[in-house]
Amino acid sequence: MKLATLRNGRPDGHLVIVSRDLARFASAGRIASNLQDALDEWERCAPILRAVSDQLNNGEIAGMPFDPREALAPLPRAYQWIDGSGYMVHLDRVRTLKGSRDEELQDERPLMYQGGSDSFVAPTAPIVVPEDGLAVDFEAEVVVVTGHVPMRPSREDASAAIRLVGICNDVSLRRLVLNDLQNGFGFFHAKPATSFAPIFVTPDELGENWKDNRLHLKVRVHVNNSLYGQPNAGKDMRFDFADLIVTAAQTRELGVGTIIGSGTVANAHDEILPLKHDGIGFGCIAEARTAEKSKIGKARTPFLALGDVVRINAVDAENRSVFGSIEQPVKLLAPGG
């Protein structure tokens, strides 16, 4: 089944069930007032939500037209947002860990940071920056939402805890990354609010596109009208979502509704931009710039500028959107906020 959250004037929005083709929705208000409530009572709510989903997809109920512009992030706020580093290809391109102890550790277990989760950004809301010149970058990622995870879970327990799957744009302000890391406490100012595609999907709904704790779909990224990347999220994922969950729960339990990110989706190749229609490309601009430095001696792809629009979409073999699109312009913070 596919779930979304629509605006209703409250921070957590109104939970709805969306048809498989993303065209229609049915209210889930009588089952759970919002998605966090549904996750908290998943054993009770999931079968009822699934029954309504089947009725909607079978045409037994008409539903109403689904407009992603009315959607909030599926979980507008969460108890916890943990971003991992599932793709070594991404780290190899954007970091200089060669020969370091950090590189050895990274090969054994994924790196992680804890992001802000009190206010996620809607799929069509702008990326708002406080000033120009911060080197705004998108990062296209896959995410999962968990049920309760005990401390030190097995891989089987971790896999069984995955309730929902989606995609996000983990925005980075590259100009602020170095300062954050030099301060010794990790990312903070360099990581503004994360945005999500409008729909979270249960793993069973994905069929063969979800296996081995990985999403086997292309994650396609455009900036304005130019294709920047379409890496397959199921390929070159060194640490799968079971690995990421196990690592996150080494010294703590994970509460219901914890969101775990894959890190920037990345596939191995030697391309640079501009990309051919069948190219693989990049899940962030920093990777594209690093590839350019290696191949032509200088970075030529600019970071996002004010007015640019980034679009991120996971598509199936028939090029159908699975989670709906993230589509965000970059805007400057208005005077007075």
C-alpha atoms as a PDB file:
ATOM      1  CA  MET A   1       0.000   0.000   0.000  1.00  0.00           C
ATOM      2  CA  LYS A   2       0.954   3.625  -0.494  1.00  0.00           C
ATOM      3  CA  LEU A   3       0.514   6.252   2.203  1.00  0.00           C
ATOM      4  CA  ALA A   4       0.733  10.039   2.158  1.00  0.00           C
ATOM      5  CA  THR A   5      -0.006  12.970   4.441  1.00  0.00           C
ATOM      6  CA  LEU A   6      -2.124  15.899   3.301  1.00  0.00           C
ATOM      7  CA  ARG A   7      -2.284  19.374   4.797  1.00  0.00           C
ATOM      8  CA  ASN A   8      -5.041  19.964   7.336  1.00  0.00           C
ATOM      9  CA  GLY A   9      -3.673  22.890   9.332  1.00  0.00           C
ATOM     10  CA  ARG A  10      -1.993  20.661  11.919  1.00  0.00           C
ATOM     11  CA  PRO A  11       1.734  19.836  12.123  1.00  0.00           C
ATOM     12  CA  ASP A  12       1.265  16.085  11.524  1.00  0.00           C
ATOM     13  CA  GLY A  13      -1.311  16.461   8.751  1.00  0.00           C
ATOM     14  CA  HIS A  14      -3.991  13.987   7.672  1.00  0.00           C
ATOM     15  CA  LEU A  15      -3.127  10.394   6.724  1.00  0.00           C
ATOM     16  CA  VAL A  16      -4.425   9.125   3.378  1.00  0.00           C
ATOM     17  CA  ILE A  17      -4.104   5.977   1.296  1.00  0.00           C
ATOM     18  CA  VAL A  18      -3.010   6.564  -2.307  1.00  0.00           C
ATOM     19  CA  SER A  19      -3.820   4.390  -5.304  1.00  0.00           C
ATOM     20  CA  ARG A  20      -1.085   2.435  -7.026  1.00  0.00           C
ATOM     21  CA  ASP A  21      -1.100   4.830 -10.009  1.00  0.00           C
ATOM     22  CA  LEU A  22      -0.867   7.853  -7.652  1.00  0.00           C
ATOM     23  CA  ALA A  23      -4.065   9.298  -9.128  1.00  0.00           C
ATOM     24  CA  ARG A  24      -6.534   8.968  -6.238  1.00  0.00           C
ATOM     25  CA  PHE A  25      -6.633   8.827  -2.459  1.00  0.00           C
ATOM     26  CA  ALA A  26      -8.925   7.705   0.317  1.00  0.00           C
ATOM     27  CA  SER A  27      -8.918   9.143   3.823  1.00  0.00           C
ATOM     28  CA  ALA A  28      -7.450   7.018   6.605  1.00  0.00           C
ATOM     29  CA  GLY A  29      -8.750   9.341   9.310  1.00  0.00           C
ATOM     30  CA  ARG A  30     -11.004   6.709  10.866  1.00  0.00           C
ATOM     31  CA  ILE A  31      -8.092   4.291  11.137  1.00  0.00           C
ATOM     32  CA  ALA A  32      -5.345   6.627  12.373  1.00  0.00           C
ATOM     33  CA  SER A  33      -5.230  10.405  12.544  1.00  0.00           C
ATOM     34  CA  ASN A  34      -1.680  10.599  11.192  1.00  0.00           C
ATOM     35  CA  LEU A  35       1.113   8.334  10.048  1.00  0.00           C
ATOM     36  CA  GLN A  36       2.938   8.282  13.379  1.00  0.00           C
ATOM     37  CA  ASP A  37      -0.247   7.069  15.063  1.00  0.00           C
ATOM     38  CA  ALA A  38      -0.571   4.332  12.449  1.00  0.00           C
ATOM     39  CA  LEU A  39       3.033   3.258  13.011  1.00  0.00           C
ATOM     40  CA  ASP A  40       2.517   3.225  16.779  1.00  0.00           C
ATOM     41  CA  GLU A  41      -0.362   0.763  16.321  1.00  0.00           C
ATOM     42  CA  TRP A  42       0.899  -0.970  13.198  1.00  0.00           C
ATOM     43  CA  GLU A  43      -0.379  -4.447  14.070  1.00  0.00           C
ATOM     44  CA  ARG A  44      -3.913  -3.083  14.330  1.00  0.00           C
ATOM     45  CA  CYS A  45      -3.781  -0.424  11.610  1.00  0.00           C
ATOM     46  CA  ALA A  46      -1.834  -2.105   8.792  1.00  0.00           C
ATOM     47  CA  PRO A  47      -4.463  -4.754   7.886  1.00  0.00           C
ATOM     48  CA  ILE A  48      -7.236  -2.143   7.837  1.00  0.00           C
ATOM     49  CA  LEU A  49      -5.180   0.293   5.761  1.00  0.00           C
ATOM     50  CA  ARG A  50      -4.325  -2.514   3.356  1.00  0.00           C
ATOM     51  CA  ALA A  51      -7.982  -3.459   2.957  1.00  0.00           C
ATOM     52  CA  VAL A  52      -8.868   0.132   2.034  1.00  0.00           C
ATOM     53  CA  SER A  53      -5.897   0.215  -0.354  1.00  0.00           C
ATOM     54  CA  ASP A  54      -7.198  -2.923  -2.097  1.00  0.00           C
ATOM     55  CA  GLN A  55     -10.670  -1.388  -2.404  1.00  0.00           C
ATOM     56  CA  LEU A  56      -9.213   1.807  -3.857  1.00  0.00           C
ATOM     57  CA  ASN A  57      -7.049  -0.040  -6.389  1.00  0.00           C
ATOM     58  CA  ASN A  58      -9.893  -2.377  -7.362  1.00  0.00           C
ATOM     59  CA  GLY A  59     -12.279   0.517  -7.992  1.00  0.00           C
ATOM     60  CA  GLU A  60     -14.605  -0.511  -5.165  1.00  0.00           C
ATOM     61  CA  ILE A  61     -14.321   3.002  -3.750  1.00  0.00           C
ATOM     62  CA  ALA A  62     -13.938   6.065  -5.943  1.00  0.00           C
ATOM     63  CA  GLY A  63     -11.555   8.095  -3.811  1.00  0.00           C
ATOM     64  CA  MET A  64     -10.611  11.675  -4.636  1.00  0.00           C
ATOM     65  CA  PRO A  65      -7.949  13.117  -6.980  1.00  0.00           C
ATOM     66  CA  PHE A  66      -4.500  13.085  -5.375  1.00  0.00           C
ATOM     67  CA  ASP A  67      -2.617  16.372  -5.741  1.00  0.00           C
ATOM     68  CA  PRO A  68       1.008  16.113  -4.545  1.00  0.00           C
ATOM     69  CA  ARG A  69       1.068  19.887  -4.108  1.00  0.00           C
ATOM     70  CA  GLU A  70      -1.259  19.376  -1.142  1.00  0.00           C
ATOM     71  CA  ALA A  71       1.055  16.815   0.425  1.00  0.00           C
ATOM     72  CA  LEU A  72       3.405  17.301   3.328  1.00  0.00           C
ATOM     73  CA  ALA A  73       6.350  14.988   3.890  1.00  0.00           C
ATOM     74  CA  PRO A  74       4.742  11.581   4.647  1.00  0.00           C
ATOM     75  CA  LEU A  75       6.066  11.936   8.195  1.00  0.00           C
ATOM     76  CA  PRO A  76       6.115  15.726   8.634  1.00  0.00           C
ATOM     77  CA  ARG A  77       8.193  15.273  11.793  1.00  0.00           C
ATOM     78  CA  ALA A  78       9.763  12.172  13.270  1.00  0.00           C
ATOM     79  CA  TYR A  79      11.279  11.103  16.542  1.00  0.00           C
ATOM     80  CA  GLN A  80      14.554  10.290  14.817  1.00  0.00           C
ATOM     81  CA  TRP A  81      16.272  10.780  11.426  1.00  0.00           C
ATOM     82  CA  ILE A  82      19.547   8.908  10.955  1.00  0.00           C
ATOM     83  CA  ASP A  83      21.442   9.138   7.692  1.00  0.00           C
ATOM     84  CA  GLY A  84      23.892   6.407   6.776  1.00  0.00           C
ATOM     85  CA  SER A  85      26.543   5.785   4.150  1.00  0.00           C
ATOM     86  CA  GLY A  86      25.434   2.749   2.209  1.00  0.00           C
ATOM     87  CA  TYR A  87      27.293   3.546  -1.018  1.00  0.00           C
ATOM     88  CA  MET A  88      31.087   3.396  -0.907  1.00  0.00           C
ATOM     89  CA  VAL A  89      31.136   4.777  -4.462  1.00  0.00           C
ATOM     90  CA  HIS A  90      29.765   8.061  -3.137  1.00  0.00           C
ATOM     91  CA  LEU A  91      32.349   8.327  -0.361  1.00  0.00           C
ATOM     92  CA  ASP A  92      35.179   7.392  -2.708  1.00  0.00           C
ATOM     93  CA  ARG A  93      34.192  10.269  -4.980  1.00  0.00           C
ATOM     94  CA  VAL A  94      33.669  13.023  -2.422  1.00  0.00           C
ATOM     95  CA  ARG A  95      36.015  12.229   0.452  1.00  0.00           C
ATOM     96  CA  THR A  96      39.772  11.759   0.829  1.00  0.00           C
ATOM     97  CA  LEU A  97      39.922   8.802   3.189  1.00  0.00           C
ATOM     98  CA  LYS A  98      42.630   6.944   1.300  1.00  0.00           C
ATOM     99  CA  GLY A  99      44.950   5.071   3.610  1.00  0.00           C
ATOM    100  CA  SER A 100      43.300   6.359   6.775  1.00  0.00           C
ATOM    101  CA  ARG A 101      41.925   4.421   9.683  1.00  0.00           C
ATOM    102  CA  ASP A 102      38.555   5.938   8.868  1.00  0.00           C
ATOM    103  CA  GLU A 103      38.634   4.195   5.524  1.00  0.00           C
ATOM    104  CA  GLU A 104      39.264   0.839   7.195  1.00  0.00           C
ATOM    105  CA  LEU A 105      36.378   1.397   9.616  1.00  0.00           C
ATOM    106  CA  GLN A 106      34.112   2.460   6.781  1.00  0.00           C
ATOM    107  CA  ASP A 107      34.778  -0.830   5.040  1.00  0.00           C
ATOM    108  CA  GLU A 108      33.626  -2.677   8.166  1.00  0.00           C
ATOM    109  CA  ARG A 109      30.585  -0.606   9.121  1.00  0.00           C
ATOM    110  CA  PRO A 110      28.737   2.397   7.721  1.00  0.00           C
ATOM    111  CA  LEU A 111      29.266   5.947   8.906  1.00  0.00           C
ATOM    112  CA  MET A 112      26.212   7.762  10.274  1.00  0.00           C
ATOM    113  CA  TYR A 113      25.018  11.133  11.459  1.00  0.00           C
ATOM    114  CA  GLN A 114      21.815  12.203  13.197  1.00  0.00           C
ATOM    115  CA  GLY A 115      19.915  14.909  11.344  1.00  0.00           C
ATOM    116  CA  GLY A 116      17.181  17.292  12.391  1.00  0.00           C
ATOM    117  CA  SER A 117      13.780  15.606  12.385  1.00  0.00           C
ATOM    118  CA  ASP A 118      11.472  18.160  13.987  1.00  0.00           C
ATOM    119  CA  SER A 119      10.379  19.677  10.671  1.00  0.00           C
ATOM    120  CA  PHE A 120      10.708  17.934   7.316  1.00  0.00           C
ATOM    121  CA  VAL A 121      10.050  19.732   4.036  1.00  0.00           C
ATOM    122  CA  ALA A 122       7.109  18.979   1.750  1.00  0.00           C
ATOM    123  CA  PRO A 123       7.914  17.507  -1.693  1.00  0.00           C
ATOM    124  CA  THR A 124       7.105  20.697  -3.606  1.00  0.00           C
ATOM    125  CA  ALA A 125       8.222  23.228  -0.988  1.00  0.00           C
ATOM    126  CA  PRO A 126      11.313  25.304  -1.822  1.00  0.00           C
ATOM    127  CA  ILE A 127      14.823  24.794  -0.549  1.00  0.00           C
ATOM    128  CA  VAL A 128      15.163  27.991   1.467  1.00  0.00           C
ATOM    129  CA  VAL A 129      18.673  29.318   2.097  1.00  0.00           C
ATOM    130  CA  PRO A 130      19.533  32.206   4.438  1.00  0.00           C
ATOM    131  CA  GLU A 131      22.057  33.697   2.042  1.00  0.00           C
ATOM    132  CA  ASP A 132      23.506  33.171  -1.412  1.00  0.00           C
ATOM    133  CA  GLY A 133      26.844  31.476  -2.045  1.00  0.00           C
ATOM    134  CA  LEU A 134      26.437  28.458   0.267  1.00  0.00           C
ATOM    135  CA  ALA A 135      27.057  25.896  -2.520  1.00  0.00           C
ATOM    136  CA  VAL A 136      23.612  24.284  -2.327  1.00  0.00           C
ATOM    137  CA  ASP A 137      23.606  20.623  -3.311  1.00  0.00           C
ATOM    138  CA  PHE A 138      20.914  17.948  -3.543  1.00  0.00           C
ATOM    139  CA  GLU A 139      21.494  14.395  -2.325  1.00  0.00           C
ATOM    140  CA  ALA A 140      19.118  11.771  -3.699  1.00  0.00           C
ATOM    141  CA  GLU A 141      18.584   8.992  -1.169  1.00  0.00           C
ATOM    142  CA  VAL A 142      16.383   6.027  -0.331  1.00  0.00           C
ATOM    143  CA  VAL A 143      14.889   5.880   3.165  1.00  0.00           C
ATOM    144  CA  VAL A 144      13.111   3.326   5.313  1.00  0.00           C
ATOM    145  CA  VAL A 145      10.830   3.873   8.309  1.00  0.00           C
ATOM    146  CA  THR A 146      11.092   1.375  11.142  1.00  0.00           C
ATOM    147  CA  GLY A 147       8.964  -0.075  13.856  1.00  0.00           C
ATOM    148  CA  HIS A 148      10.559  -0.568  17.252  1.00  0.00           C
ATOM    149  CA  VAL A 149      14.132  -1.892  17.048  1.00  0.00           C
ATOM    150  CA  PRO A 150      15.810  -3.299  20.166  1.00  0.00           C
ATOM    151  CA  MET A 151      19.417  -2.571  21.027  1.00  0.00           C
ATOM    152  CA  ARG A 152      21.864  -4.914  19.255  1.00  0.00           C
ATOM    153  CA  PRO A 153      19.332  -6.467  16.863  1.00  0.00           C
ATOM    154  CA  SER A 154      20.108  -9.311  14.505  1.00  0.00           C
ATOM    155  CA  ARG A 155      20.006  -8.634  10.773  1.00  0.00           C
ATOM    156  CA  GLU A 156      16.755 -10.598  10.664  1.00  0.00           C
ATOM    157  CA  ASP A 157      15.216  -8.420  13.369  1.00  0.00           C
ATOM    158  CA  ALA A 158      16.410  -5.291  11.584  1.00  0.00           C
ATOM    159  CA  SER A 159      14.932  -6.383   8.262  1.00  0.00           C
ATOM    160  CA  ALA A 160      11.611  -7.322   9.888  1.00  0.00           C
ATOM    161  CA  ALA A 161      11.392  -3.856  11.478  1.00  0.00           C
ATOM    162  CA  ILE A 162      11.177  -2.073   8.091  1.00  0.00           C
ATOM    163  CA  ARG A 163       7.660  -0.746   7.723  1.00  0.00           C
ATOM    164  CA  LEU A 164       7.867   1.739   4.845  1.00  0.00           C
ATOM    165  CA  VAL A 165      10.178   2.790   2.009  1.00  0.00           C
ATOM    166  CA  GLY A 166      10.570   6.180   0.318  1.00  0.00           C
ATOM    167  CA  ILE A 167      13.027   8.680  -1.139  1.00  0.00           C
ATOM    168  CA  CYS A 168      14.363  11.994   0.094  1.00  0.00           C
ATOM    169  CA  ASN A 169      16.498  14.987  -0.815  1.00  0.00           C
ATOM    170  CA  ASP A 170      19.086  15.327   1.943  1.00  0.00           C
ATOM    171  CA  VAL A 171      20.116  18.890   1.094  1.00  0.00           C
ATOM    172  CA  SER A 172      23.727  19.902   1.784  1.00  0.00           C
ATOM    173  CA  LEU A 173      25.256  23.367   2.017  1.00  0.00           C
ATOM    174  CA  ARG A 174      28.724  22.376   0.839  1.00  0.00           C
ATOM    175  CA  ARG A 175      30.335  25.673   1.819  1.00  0.00           C
ATOM    176  CA  LEU A 176      29.556  24.911   5.476  1.00  0.00           C
ATOM    177  CA  VAL A 177      30.587  21.244   5.593  1.00  0.00           C
ATOM    178  CA  LEU A 178      34.253  21.782   6.411  1.00  0.00           C
ATOM    179  CA  ASN A 179      33.513  24.156   9.272  1.00  0.00           C
ATOM    180  CA  ASP A 180      31.004  21.714  10.763  1.00  0.00           C
ATOM    181  CA  LEU A 181      33.443  18.822  10.600  1.00  0.00           C
ATOM    182  CA  GLN A 182      36.379  20.832  11.961  1.00  0.00           C
ATOM    183  CA  ASN A 183      34.299  21.708  15.017  1.00  0.00           C
ATOM    184  CA  GLY A 184      34.345  17.994  15.840  1.00  0.00           C
ATOM    185  CA  PHE A 185      30.642  17.360  16.431  1.00  0.00           C
ATOM    186  CA  GLY A 186      29.704  16.473  12.848  1.00  0.00           C
ATOM    187  CA  PHE A 187      27.146  17.968  10.472  1.00  0.00           C
ATOM    188  CA  PHE A 188      24.897  20.730  11.784  1.00  0.00           C
ATOM    189  CA  HIS A 189      24.629  24.007   9.849  1.00  0.00           C
ATOM    190  CA  ALA A 190      25.572  22.251   6.600  1.00  0.00           C
ATOM    191  CA  LYS A 191      22.435  20.124   6.787  1.00  0.00           C
ATOM    192  CA  PRO A 192      19.172  22.100   6.554  1.00  0.00           C
ATOM    193  CA  ALA A 193      15.766  20.406   6.649  1.00  0.00           C
ATOM    194  CA  THR A 194      15.376  17.268   4.529  1.00  0.00           C
ATOM    195  CA  SER A 195      12.573  16.947   1.968  1.00  0.00           C
ATOM    196  CA  PHE A 196      10.695  13.772   1.042  1.00  0.00           C
ATOM    197  CA  ALA A 197       8.714  12.490  -1.909  1.00  0.00           C
ATOM    198  CA  PRO A 198       4.983  12.563  -1.104  1.00  0.00           C
ATOM    199  CA  ILE A 199       4.451   8.828  -0.666  1.00  0.00           C
ATOM    200  CA  PHE A 200       5.836   6.078   1.552  1.00  0.00           C
ATOM    201  CA  VAL A 201       5.285   2.519   0.329  1.00  0.00           C
ATOM    202  CA  THR A 202       5.181  -0.807   2.161  1.00  0.00           C
ATOM    203  CA  PRO A 203       7.916  -3.218   1.013  1.00  0.00           C
ATOM    204  CA  ASP A 204       5.389  -5.809  -0.224  1.00  0.00           C
ATOM    205  CA  GLU A 205       3.914  -3.221  -2.619  1.00  0.00           C
ATOM    206  CA  LEU A 206       7.292  -2.946  -4.342  1.00  0.00           C
ATOM    207  CA  GLY A 207       7.419  -6.620  -5.325  1.00  0.00           C
ATOM    208  CA  GLU A 208      10.710  -7.618  -6.967  1.00  0.00           C
ATOM    209  CA  ASN A 209      11.891  -4.026  -6.739  1.00  0.00           C
ATOM    210  CA  TRP A 210      12.472  -4.626  -3.012  1.00  0.00           C
ATOM    211  CA  LYS A 211      14.819  -7.493  -2.209  1.00  0.00           C
ATOM    212  CA  ASP A 212      17.980  -8.070  -0.176  1.00  0.00           C
ATOM    213  CA  ASN A 213      16.985  -5.048   1.942  1.00  0.00           C
ATOM    214  CA  ARG A 214      17.577  -2.812  -1.077  1.00  0.00           C
ATOM    215  CA  LEU A 215      15.388  -0.786  -3.424  1.00  0.00           C
ATOM    216  CA  HIS A 216      16.049  -1.906  -7.004  1.00  0.00           C
ATOM    217  CA  LEU A 217      14.823   1.182  -8.842  1.00  0.00           C
ATOM    218  CA  LYS A 218      16.450   4.031 -10.735  1.00  0.00           C
ATOM    219  CA  VAL A 219      16.504   7.278  -8.788  1.00  0.00           C
ATOM    220  CA  ARG A 220      16.324   9.959 -11.469  1.00  0.00           C
ATOM    221  CA  VAL A 221      17.505  13.519 -10.871  1.00  0.00           C
ATOM    222  CA  HIS A 222      16.977  16.592 -13.047  1.00  0.00           C
ATOM    223  CA  VAL A 223      18.162  20.132 -12.447  1.00  0.00           C
ATOM    224  CA  ASN A 224      15.910  22.452 -14.422  1.00  0.00           C
ATOM    225  CA  ASN A 225      15.526  20.441 -17.642  1.00  0.00           C
ATOM    226  CA  SER A 226      18.885  18.655 -17.556  1.00  0.00           C
ATOM    227  CA  LEU A 227      19.325  15.036 -16.497  1.00  0.00           C
ATOM    228  CA  TYR A 228      22.019  14.819 -13.805  1.00  0.00           C
ATOM    229  CA  GLY A 229      21.669  11.189 -12.804  1.00  0.00           C
ATOM    230  CA  GLN A 230      19.668   7.976 -12.737  1.00  0.00           C
ATOM    231  CA  PRO A 231      21.684   5.513 -10.644  1.00  0.00           C
ATOM    232  CA  ASN A 232      20.034   2.259  -9.631  1.00  0.00           C
ATOM    233  CA  ALA A 233      19.610   2.208  -5.857  1.00  0.00           C
ATOM    234  CA  GLY A 234      19.970  -1.580  -5.737  1.00  0.00           C
ATOM    235  CA  LYS A 235      23.454  -1.595  -7.257  1.00  0.00           C
ATOM    236  CA  ASP A 236      26.760  -0.845  -5.538  1.00  0.00           C
ATOM    237  CA  MET A 237      25.094  -0.583  -2.118  1.00  0.00           C
ATOM    238  CA  ARG A 238      27.887  -1.795   0.168  1.00  0.00           C
ATOM    239  CA  PHE A 239      25.718  -1.662   3.310  1.00  0.00           C
ATOM    240  CA  ASP A 240      22.042  -2.572   2.934  1.00  0.00           C
ATOM    241  CA  PHE A 241      19.244  -1.318   5.175  1.00  0.00           C
ATOM    242  CA  ALA A 242      19.593  -4.237   7.587  1.00  0.00           C
ATOM    243  CA  ASP A 243      23.259  -3.271   8.018  1.00  0.00           C
ATOM    244  CA  LEU A 244      22.314   0.373   8.556  1.00  0.00           C
ATOM    245  CA  ILE A 245      19.652  -0.447  11.141  1.00  0.00           C
ATOM    246  CA  VAL A 246      21.943  -2.833  13.019  1.00  0.00           C
ATOM    247  CA  THR A 247      24.640  -0.153  13.142  1.00  0.00           C
ATOM    248  CA  ALA A 248      22.213   2.546  14.296  1.00  0.00           C
ATOM    249  CA  ALA A 249      20.988   0.333  17.145  1.00  0.00           C
ATOM    250  CA  GLN A 250      24.373  -0.677  18.554  1.00  0.00           C
ATOM    251  CA  THR A 251      24.020   1.437  21.710  1.00  0.00           C
ATOM    252  CA  ARG A 252      20.348   2.434  21.703  1.00  0.00           C
ATOM    253  CA  GLU A 253      16.891   1.233  20.853  1.00  0.00           C
ATOM    254  CA  LEU A 254      15.240   2.830  17.835  1.00  0.00           C
ATOM    255  CA  GLY A 255      11.774   4.209  18.459  1.00  0.00           C
ATOM    256  CA  VAL A 256       8.778   3.534  16.237  1.00  0.00           C
ATOM    257  CA  GLY A 257       8.899   5.866  13.253  1.00  0.00           C
ATOM    258  CA  THR A 258      12.675   6.191  13.072  1.00  0.00           C
ATOM    259  CA  ILE A 259      13.775   7.123   9.539  1.00  0.00           C
ATOM    260  CA  ILE A 260      17.023   5.645   8.207  1.00  0.00           C
ATOM    261  CA  GLY A 261      18.674   7.068   5.077  1.00  0.00           C
ATOM    262  CA  SER A 262      20.824   5.149   2.629  1.00  0.00           C
ATOM    263  CA  GLY A 263      23.255   7.958   1.910  1.00  0.00           C
ATOM    264  CA  THR A 264      23.531   9.383  -1.596  1.00  0.00           C
ATOM    265  CA  VAL A 265      22.669   6.742  -4.205  1.00  0.00           C
ATOM    266  CA  ALA A 266      25.736   6.140  -6.366  1.00  0.00           C
ATOM    267  CA  ASN A 267      26.822   3.679  -9.073  1.00  0.00           C
ATOM    268  CA  ALA A 268      30.347   3.090 -10.359  1.00  0.00           C
ATOM    269  CA  HIS A 269      31.104   4.584 -13.807  1.00  0.00           C
ATOM    270  CA  ASP A 270      33.498   7.041 -15.475  1.00  0.00           C
ATOM    271  CA  GLU A 271      30.973   9.499 -16.954  1.00  0.00           C
ATOM    272  CA  ILE A 272      30.840  13.251 -16.545  1.00  0.00           C
ATOM    273  CA  LEU A 273      28.058  15.740 -17.283  1.00  0.00           C
ATOM    274  CA  PRO A 274      26.278  16.458 -19.584  1.00  0.00           C
ATOM    275  CA  LEU A 275      24.658  13.057 -19.412  1.00  0.00           C
ATOM    276  CA  LYS A 276      23.339  10.971 -22.293  1.00  0.00           C
ATOM    277  CA  HIS A 277      19.737   9.769 -21.985  1.00  0.00           C
ATOM    278  CA  ASP A 278      20.934   6.278 -21.006  1.00  0.00           C
ATOM    279  CA  GLY A 279      23.773   7.463 -18.759  1.00  0.00           C
ATOM    280  CA  ILE A 280      24.043   6.758 -15.039  1.00  0.00           C
ATOM    281  CA  GLY A 281      25.224  10.094 -13.712  1.00  0.00           C
ATOM    282  CA  PHE A 282      25.195  11.300 -10.133  1.00  0.00           C
ATOM    283  CA  GLY A 283      23.030  11.556  -7.040  1.00  0.00           C
ATOM    284  CA  CYS A 284      24.613  14.861  -6.008  1.00  0.00           C
ATOM    285  CA  ILE A 285      26.577  17.697  -7.602  1.00  0.00           C
ATOM    286  CA  ALA A 286      29.661  17.171  -5.427  1.00  0.00           C
ATOM    287  CA  GLU A 287      30.197  13.789  -7.107  1.00  0.00           C
ATOM    288  CA  ALA A 288      29.832  15.300 -10.575  1.00  0.00           C
ATOM    289  CA  ARG A 289      32.421  17.965  -9.742  1.00  0.00           C
ATOM    290  CA  THR A 290      34.879  15.419  -8.361  1.00  0.00           C
ATOM    291  CA  ALA A 291      34.507  13.285 -11.495  1.00  0.00           C
ATOM    292  CA  GLU A 292      35.173  16.377 -13.634  1.00  0.00           C
ATOM    293  CA  LYS A 293      38.327  17.235 -11.686  1.00  0.00           C
ATOM    294  CA  SER A 294      39.590  13.710 -12.214  1.00  0.00           C
ATOM    295  CA  LYS A 295      38.770  13.545 -15.928  1.00  0.00           C
ATOM    296  CA  ILE A 296      39.278  17.093 -17.271  1.00  0.00           C
ATOM    297  CA  GLY A 297      41.281  18.721 -14.502  1.00  0.00           C
ATOM    298  CA  LYS A 298      38.638  21.116 -13.186  1.00  0.00           C
ATOM    299  CA  ALA A 299      35.086  21.176 -11.841  1.00  0.00           C
ATOM    300  CA  ARG A 300      32.703  22.890 -14.239  1.00  0.00           C
ATOM    301  CA  THR A 301      29.205  21.946 -12.961  1.00  0.00           C
ATOM    302  CA  PRO A 302      27.984  24.695 -10.613  1.00  0.00           C
ATOM    303  CA  PHE A 303      26.137  24.062  -7.398  1.00  0.00           C
ATOM    304  CA  LEU A 304      22.458  24.985  -7.307  1.00  0.00           C
ATOM    305  CA  ALA A 305      21.724  28.676  -7.827  1.00  0.00           C
ATOM    306  CA  LEU A 306      18.748  30.717  -6.693  1.00  0.00           C
ATOM    307  CA  GLY A 307      15.837  29.885  -8.992  1.00  0.00           C
ATOM    308  CA  ASP A 308      17.135  26.447  -9.996  1.00  0.00           C
ATOM    309  CA  VAL A 309      14.645  23.591  -9.668  1.00  0.00           C
ATOM    310  CA  VAL A 310      15.754  20.096  -8.628  1.00  0.00           C
ATOM    311  CA  ARG A 311      13.484  17.122  -9.336  1.00  0.00           C
ATOM    312  CA  ILE A 312      14.051  13.664  -7.816  1.00  0.00           C
ATOM    313  CA  ASN A 313      11.947  10.673  -8.755  1.00  0.00           C
ATOM    314  CA  ALA A 314      12.252   6.891  -8.409  1.00  0.00           C
ATOM    315  CA  VAL A 315      10.886   5.108 -11.473  1.00  0.00           C
ATOM    316  CA  ASP A 316      10.068   1.515 -12.363  1.00  0.00           C
ATOM    317  CA  ALA A 317      10.883  -0.349 -15.580  1.00  0.00           C
ATOM    318  CA  GLU A 318       7.985   1.400 -17.338  1.00  0.00           C
ATOM    319  CA  ASN A 319       9.208   4.839 -16.155  1.00  0.00           C
ATOM    320  CA  ARG A 320       6.276   5.169 -13.765  1.00  0.00           C
ATOM    321  CA  SER A 321       6.817   7.160 -10.613  1.00  0.00           C
ATOM    322  CA  VAL A 322       6.681   4.957  -7.517  1.00  0.00           C
ATOM    323  CA  PHE A 323       6.779   7.496  -4.671  1.00  0.00           C
ATOM    324  CA  GLY A 324       5.814  10.667  -6.518  1.00  0.00           C
ATOM    325  CA  SER A 325       8.322  13.425  -7.244  1.00  0.00           C
ATOM    326  CA  ILE A 326      10.331  15.784  -5.136  1.00  0.00           C
ATOM    327  CA  GLU A 327      10.326  19.075  -7.055  1.00  0.00           C
ATOM    328  CA  GLN A 328      11.940  22.034  -5.306  1.00  0.00           C
ATOM    329  CA  PRO A 329      13.083  25.485  -6.383  1.00  0.00           C
ATOM    330  CA  VAL A 330      15.943  27.153  -4.517  1.00  0.00           C
ATOM    331  CA  LYS A 331      14.827  30.375  -2.833  1.00  0.00           C
ATOM    332  CA  LEU A 332      16.381  33.019  -0.609  1.00  0.00           C
ATOM    333  CA  LEU A 333      14.973  33.502   2.880  1.00  0.00           C
ATOM    334  CA  ALA A 334      12.622  36.468   2.821  1.00  0.00           C
ATOM    335  CA  PRO A 335      13.508  39.464   5.032  1.00  0.00           C
ATOM    336  CA  GLY A 336      12.124  38.836   8.495  1.00  0.00           C
ATOM    337  CA  GLY A 337      11.854  35.066   7.838  1.00  0.00           C
END
